[in-house]
Amino acid sequence: MMIDPPIDKLIEMTPCRYALVCGLAKRAKELNATEAAEMEEKGEKPLSRAAHEIYEGKIILHVDK
């Protein structure tokens, strides 16, 4: 079974794993609140779409100090 997008590539695109997890969760919540019906029709899941957005560079994660 192939995971798309690959987790190791997502981790490379973010400052740390914690930032990746927090960013994915936050974006998935936003998608669930705003586009839930649209995504349900397409059979998409919010977390999968959030991962694709980060992988495609539509969302950039960073850590504030």
PDB file of N, CA and C in Angstrom:
ATOM      1  N   MET A   1       0.844  -1.187   0.000  1.00  0.00           N
ATOM      2  CA  MET A   1       0.000   0.000   0.000  1.00  0.00           C
ATOM      3  C   MET A   1       0.884   1.244   0.000  1.00  0.00           C
ATOM      4  N   MET A   2       0.648   2.118  -0.907  1.00  0.00           N
ATOM      5  CA  MET A   2       1.392   3.360  -1.042  1.00  0.00           C
ATOM      6  C   MET A   2       0.653   4.476  -0.317  1.00  0.00           C
ATOM      7  N   ILE A   3       1.370   5.245   0.442  1.00  0.00           N
ATOM      8  CA  ILE A   3       0.775   6.407   1.098  1.00  0.00           C
ATOM      9  C   ILE A   3       1.057   7.615   0.224  1.00  0.00           C
ATOM     10  N   ASP A   4       0.035   8.343  -0.106  1.00  0.00           N
ATOM     11  CA  ASP A   4       0.188   9.502  -0.975  1.00  0.00           C
ATOM     12  C   ASP A   4      -0.348  10.728  -0.268  1.00  0.00           C
ATOM     13  N   PRO A   5       0.398  11.754  -0.068  1.00  0.00           N
ATOM     14  CA  PRO A   5       1.817  11.940  -0.338  1.00  0.00           C
ATOM     15  C   PRO A   5       2.679  11.219   0.690  1.00  0.00           C
ATOM     16  N   PRO A   6       3.916  10.899   0.318  1.00  0.00           N
ATOM     17  CA  PRO A   6       4.794  10.160   1.229  1.00  0.00           C
ATOM     18  C   PRO A   6       5.115  10.956   2.493  1.00  0.00           C
ATOM     19  N   ILE A   7       5.021  10.308   3.636  1.00  0.00           N
ATOM     20  CA  ILE A   7       5.248  10.958   4.925  1.00  0.00           C
ATOM     21  C   ILE A   7       6.662  11.514   5.027  1.00  0.00           C
ATOM     22  N   ASP A   8       7.655  10.769   4.539  1.00  0.00           N
ATOM     23  CA  ASP A   8       9.031  11.252   4.647  1.00  0.00           C
ATOM     24  C   ASP A   8       9.238  12.540   3.865  1.00  0.00           C
ATOM     25  N   LYS A   9       8.549  12.718   2.761  1.00  0.00           N
ATOM     26  CA  LYS A   9       8.645  13.968   1.990  1.00  0.00           C
ATOM     27  C   LYS A   9       7.953  15.110   2.734  1.00  0.00           C
ATOM     28  N   LEU A  10       6.833  14.820   3.375  1.00  0.00           N
ATOM     29  CA  LEU A  10       6.140  15.856   4.153  1.00  0.00           C
ATOM     30  C   LEU A  10       7.000  16.332   5.325  1.00  0.00           C
ATOM     31  N   ILE A  11       7.651  15.400   5.989  1.00  0.00           N
ATOM     32  CA  ILE A  11       8.503  15.764   7.124  1.00  0.00           C
ATOM     33  C   ILE A  11       9.664  16.649   6.663  1.00  0.00           C
ATOM     34  N   GLU A  12      10.224  16.373   5.489  1.00  0.00           N
ATOM     35  CA  GLU A  12      11.308  17.190   4.951  1.00  0.00           C
ATOM     36  C   GLU A  12      10.854  18.617   4.647  1.00  0.00           C
ATOM     37  N   MET A  13       9.580  18.803   4.366  1.00  0.00           N
ATOM     38  CA  MET A  13       9.051  20.115   3.989  1.00  0.00           C
ATOM     39  C   MET A  13       8.680  20.972   5.197  1.00  0.00           C
ATOM     40  N   THR A  14       8.795  20.425   6.386  1.00  0.00           N
ATOM     41  CA  THR A  14       8.401  21.141   7.593  1.00  0.00           C
ATOM     42  C   THR A  14       9.572  21.229   8.566  1.00  0.00           C
ATOM     43  N   PRO A  15       9.527  22.183   9.498  1.00  0.00           N
ATOM     44  CA  PRO A  15      10.619  22.338  10.447  1.00  0.00           C
ATOM     45  C   PRO A  15      10.797  21.134  11.379  1.00  0.00           C
ATOM     46  N   CYS A  16       9.712  20.469  11.746  1.00  0.00           N
ATOM     47  CA  CYS A  16       9.798  19.302  12.625  1.00  0.00           C
ATOM     48  C   CYS A  16       8.494  18.506  12.518  1.00  0.00           C
ATOM     49  N   ARG A  17       8.498  17.321  13.066  1.00  0.00           N
ATOM     50  CA  ARG A  17       7.312  16.463  13.001  1.00  0.00           C
ATOM     51  C   ARG A  17       6.139  17.064  13.761  1.00  0.00           C
ATOM     52  N   TYR A  18       6.443  17.697  14.872  1.00  0.00           N
ATOM     53  CA  TYR A  18       5.390  18.308  15.676  1.00  0.00           C
ATOM     54  C   TYR A  18       4.670  19.393  14.873  1.00  0.00           C
ATOM     55  N   ALA A  19       5.426  20.210  14.148  1.00  0.00           N
ATOM     56  CA  ALA A  19       4.826  21.250  13.311  1.00  0.00           C
ATOM     57  C   ALA A  19       3.954  20.634  12.222  1.00  0.00           C
ATOM     58  N   LEU A  20       4.404  19.528  11.665  1.00  0.00           N
ATOM     59  CA  LEU A  20       3.623  18.844  10.631  1.00  0.00           C
ATOM     60  C   LEU A  20       2.292  18.365  11.191  1.00  0.00           C
ATOM     61  N   VAL A  21       2.331  17.694  12.328  1.00  0.00           N
ATOM     62  CA  VAL A  21       1.103  17.159  12.933  1.00  0.00           C
ATOM     63  C   VAL A  21       0.142  18.284  13.297  1.00  0.00           C
ATOM     64  N   CYS A  22       0.660  19.333  13.926  1.00  0.00           N
ATOM     65  CA  CYS A  22      -0.196  20.461  14.317  1.00  0.00           C
ATOM     66  C   CYS A  22      -0.771  21.166  13.093  1.00  0.00           C
ATOM     67  N   GLY A  23       0.061  21.362  12.080  1.00  0.00           N
ATOM     68  CA  GLY A  23      -0.398  22.016  10.854  1.00  0.00           C
ATOM     69  C   GLY A  23      -1.457  21.206  10.126  1.00  0.00           C
ATOM     70  N   LEU A  24      -1.245  19.898  10.049  1.00  0.00           N
ATOM     71  CA  LEU A  24      -2.237  19.029   9.405  1.00  0.00           C
ATOM     72  C   LEU A  24      -3.563  19.066  10.157  1.00  0.00           C
ATOM     73  N   ALA A  25      -3.499  18.985  11.478  1.00  0.00           N
ATOM     74  CA  ALA A  25      -4.730  18.991  12.276  1.00  0.00           C
ATOM     75  C   ALA A  25      -5.474  20.310  12.138  1.00  0.00           C
ATOM     76  N   LYS A  26      -4.749  21.414  12.185  1.00  0.00           N
ATOM     77  CA  LYS A  26      -5.391  22.724  12.086  1.00  0.00           C
ATOM     78  C   LYS A  26      -6.056  22.905  10.723  1.00  0.00           C
ATOM     79  N   ARG A  27      -5.342  22.550   9.655  1.00  0.00           N
ATOM     80  CA  ARG A  27      -5.904  22.712   8.314  1.00  0.00           C
ATOM     81  C   ARG A  27      -7.082  21.758   8.106  1.00  0.00           C
ATOM     82  N   ALA A  28      -6.996  20.536   8.627  1.00  0.00           N
ATOM     83  CA  ALA A  28      -8.097  19.584   8.490  1.00  0.00           C
ATOM     84  C   ALA A  28      -9.348  20.101   9.196  1.00  0.00           C
ATOM     85  N   LYS A  29      -9.182  20.734  10.360  1.00  0.00           N
ATOM     86  CA  LYS A  29     -10.328  21.325  11.062  1.00  0.00           C
ATOM     87  C   LYS A  29     -10.951  22.449  10.240  1.00  0.00           C
ATOM     88  N   GLU A  30     -10.100  23.279   9.635  1.00  0.00           N
ATOM     89  CA  GLU A  30     -10.601  24.366   8.787  1.00  0.00           C
ATOM     90  C   GLU A  30     -11.387  23.806   7.604  1.00  0.00           C
ATOM     91  N   LEU A  31     -10.835  22.803   6.954  1.00  0.00           N
ATOM     92  CA  LEU A  31     -11.517  22.191   5.810  1.00  0.00           C
ATOM     93  C   LEU A  31     -12.834  21.549   6.228  1.00  0.00           C
ATOM     94  N   ASN A  32     -12.849  20.898   7.365  1.00  0.00           N
ATOM     95  CA  ASN A  32     -14.064  20.252   7.853  1.00  0.00           C
ATOM     96  C   ASN A  32     -15.148  21.278   8.150  1.00  0.00           C
ATOM     97  N   ALA A  33     -14.749  22.446   8.630  1.00  0.00           N
ATOM     98  CA  ALA A  33     -15.718  23.483   8.960  1.00  0.00           C
ATOM     99  C   ALA A  33     -16.246  24.201   7.724  1.00  0.00           C
ATOM    100  N   THR A  34     -15.421  24.326   6.683  1.00  0.00           N
ATOM    101  CA  THR A  34     -15.820  25.137   5.541  1.00  0.00           C
ATOM    102  C   THR A  34     -16.230  24.344   4.299  1.00  0.00           C
ATOM    103  N   GLU A  35     -15.637  23.177   4.090  1.00  0.00           N
ATOM    104  CA  GLU A  35     -15.878  22.451   2.846  1.00  0.00           C
ATOM    105  C   GLU A  35     -16.278  20.997   3.065  1.00  0.00           C
ATOM    106  N   ALA A  36     -16.925  20.707   4.166  1.00  0.00           N
ATOM    107  CA  ALA A  36     -17.257  19.323   4.510  1.00  0.00           C
ATOM    108  C   ALA A  36     -18.187  18.678   3.478  1.00  0.00           C
ATOM    109  N   ALA A  37     -19.234  19.365   3.088  1.00  0.00           N
ATOM    110  CA  ALA A  37     -20.198  18.784   2.143  1.00  0.00           C
ATOM    111  C   ALA A  37     -19.554  18.547   0.781  1.00  0.00           C
ATOM    112  N   GLU A  38     -18.769  19.499   0.333  1.00  0.00           N
ATOM    113  CA  GLU A  38     -18.101  19.382  -0.964  1.00  0.00           C
ATOM    114  C   GLU A  38     -17.119  18.206  -0.978  1.00  0.00           C
ATOM    115  N   MET A  39     -16.376  18.051   0.111  1.00  0.00           N
ATOM    116  CA  MET A  39     -15.407  16.967   0.188  1.00  0.00           C
ATOM    117  C   MET A  39     -16.090  15.613   0.323  1.00  0.00           C
ATOM    118  N   GLU A  40     -17.224  15.568   1.005  1.00  0.00           N
ATOM    119  CA  GLU A  40     -17.959  14.313   1.150  1.00  0.00           C
ATOM    120  C   GLU A  40     -18.463  13.814  -0.198  1.00  0.00           C
ATOM    121  N   GLU A  41     -18.902  14.743  -1.050  1.00  0.00           N
ATOM    122  CA  GLU A  41     -19.362  14.367  -2.387  1.00  0.00           C
ATOM    123  C   GLU A  41     -18.248  13.746  -3.204  1.00  0.00           C
ATOM    124  N   LYS A  42     -17.022  14.273  -3.038  1.00  0.00           N
ATOM    125  CA  LYS A  42     -15.873  13.770  -3.789  1.00  0.00           C
ATOM    126  C   LYS A  42     -15.248  12.543  -3.137  1.00  0.00           C
ATOM    127  N   GLY A  43     -15.640  12.226  -1.904  1.00  0.00           N
ATOM    128  CA  GLY A  43     -15.076  11.097  -1.184  1.00  0.00           C
ATOM    129  C   GLY A  43     -13.703  11.387  -0.596  1.00  0.00           C
ATOM    130  N   GLU A  44     -13.404  12.667  -0.400  1.00  0.00           N
ATOM    131  CA  GLU A  44     -12.125  13.068   0.191  1.00  0.00           C
ATOM    132  C   GLU A  44     -12.239  13.184   1.699  1.00  0.00           C
ATOM    133  N   LYS A  45     -11.109  13.062   2.359  1.00  0.00           N
ATOM    134  CA  LYS A  45     -11.061  13.263   3.805  1.00  0.00           C
ATOM    135  C   LYS A  45     -10.252  14.523   4.078  1.00  0.00           C
ATOM    136  N   PRO A  46     -10.642  15.290   5.100  1.00  0.00           N
ATOM    137  CA  PRO A  46      -9.952  16.549   5.387  1.00  0.00           C
ATOM    138  C   PRO A  46      -8.450  16.390   5.624  1.00  0.00           C
ATOM    139  N   LEU A  47      -8.051  15.348   6.329  1.00  0.00           N
ATOM    140  CA  LEU A  47      -6.632  15.156   6.620  1.00  0.00           C
ATOM    141  C   LEU A  47      -5.845  14.847   5.348  1.00  0.00           C
ATOM    142  N   SER A  48      -6.419  14.064   4.466  1.00  0.00           N
ATOM    143  CA  SER A  48      -5.750  13.745   3.199  1.00  0.00           C
ATOM    144  C   SER A  48      -5.582  14.988   2.344  1.00  0.00           C
ATOM    145  N   ARG A  49      -6.619  15.803   2.283  1.00  0.00           N
ATOM    146  CA  ARG A  49      -6.529  17.020   1.491  1.00  0.00           C
ATOM    147  C   ARG A  49      -5.505  17.988   2.087  1.00  0.00           C
ATOM    148  N   ALA A  50      -5.474  18.091   3.409  1.00  0.00           N
ATOM    149  CA  ALA A  50      -4.493  18.953   4.075  1.00  0.00           C
ATOM    150  C   ALA A  50      -3.077  18.480   3.754  1.00  0.00           C
ATOM    151  N   ALA A  51      -2.845  17.181   3.771  1.00  0.00           N
ATOM    152  CA  ALA A  51      -1.525  16.634   3.445  1.00  0.00           C
ATOM    153  C   ALA A  51      -1.137  16.956   2.007  1.00  0.00           C
ATOM    154  N   HIS A  52      -2.081  16.847   1.088  1.00  0.00           N
ATOM    155  CA  HIS A  52      -1.813  17.176  -0.312  1.00  0.00           C
ATOM    156  C   HIS A  52      -1.496  18.665  -0.471  1.00  0.00           C
ATOM    157  N   GLU A  53      -2.203  19.515   0.241  1.00  0.00           N
ATOM    158  CA  GLU A  53      -1.948  20.951   0.150  1.00  0.00           C
ATOM    159  C   GLU A  53      -0.544  21.296   0.639  1.00  0.00           C
ATOM    160  N   ILE A  54      -0.101  20.667   1.702  1.00  0.00           N
ATOM    161  CA  ILE A  54       1.259  20.907   2.200  1.00  0.00           C
ATOM    162  C   ILE A  54       2.279  20.367   1.201  1.00  0.00           C
ATOM    163  N   TYR A  55       2.037  19.186   0.677  1.00  0.00           N
ATOM    164  CA  TYR A  55       2.955  18.562  -0.279  1.00  0.00           C
ATOM    165  C   TYR A  55       3.088  19.388  -1.558  1.00  0.00           C
ATOM    166  N   GLU A  56       1.980  19.983  -2.005  1.00  0.00           N
ATOM    167  CA  GLU A  56       1.989  20.785  -3.230  1.00  0.00           C
ATOM    168  C   GLU A  56       2.505  22.203  -3.004  1.00  0.00           C
ATOM    169  N   GLY A  57       2.755  22.566  -1.760  1.00  0.00           N
ATOM    170  CA  GLY A  57       3.286  23.889  -1.464  1.00  0.00           C
ATOM    171  C   GLY A  57       2.229  24.968  -1.319  1.00  0.00           C
ATOM    172  N   LYS A  58       0.969  24.598  -1.294  1.00  0.00           N
ATOM    173  CA  LYS A  58      -0.111  25.574  -1.116  1.00  0.00           C
ATOM    174  C   LYS A  58      -0.143  26.098   0.314  1.00  0.00           C
ATOM    175  N   ILE A  59       0.327  25.273   1.251  1.00  0.00           N
ATOM    176  CA  ILE A  59       0.393  25.638   2.673  1.00  0.00           C
ATOM    177  C   ILE A  59       1.847  25.491   3.113  1.00  0.00           C
ATOM    178  N   ILE A  60       2.363  26.506   3.766  1.00  0.00           N
ATOM    179  CA  ILE A  60       3.734  26.449   4.269  1.00  0.00           C
ATOM    180  C   ILE A  60       3.682  26.517   5.786  1.00  0.00           C
ATOM    181  N   LEU A  61       4.331  25.579   6.436  1.00  0.00           N
ATOM    182  CA  LEU A  61       4.350  25.531   7.889  1.00  0.00           C
ATOM    183  C   LEU A  61       5.662  26.117   8.408  1.00  0.00           C
ATOM    184  N   HIS A  62       5.559  26.875   9.475  1.00  0.00           N
ATOM    185  CA  HIS A  62       6.755  27.409  10.131  1.00  0.00           C
ATOM    186  C   HIS A  62       6.513  27.482  11.627  1.00  0.00           C
ATOM    187  N   VAL A  63       7.590  27.565  12.364  1.00  0.00           N
ATOM    188  CA  VAL A  63       7.505  27.608  13.826  1.00  0.00           C
ATOM    189  C   VAL A  63       7.892  29.008  14.289  1.00  0.00           C
ATOM    190  N   ASP A  64       6.999  29.632  15.079  1.00  0.00           N
ATOM    191  CA  ASP A  64       7.312  30.932  15.649  1.00  0.00           C
ATOM    192  C   ASP A  64       8.149  30.723  16.905  1.00  0.00           C
ATOM    193  N   LYS A  65       9.107  31.593  17.087  1.00  0.00           N
ATOM    194  CA  LYS A  65       9.951  31.480  18.291  1.00  0.00           C
ATOM    195  C   LYS A  65       9.645  32.572  19.271  1.00  0.00           C
TER     196      LYS A  65
END
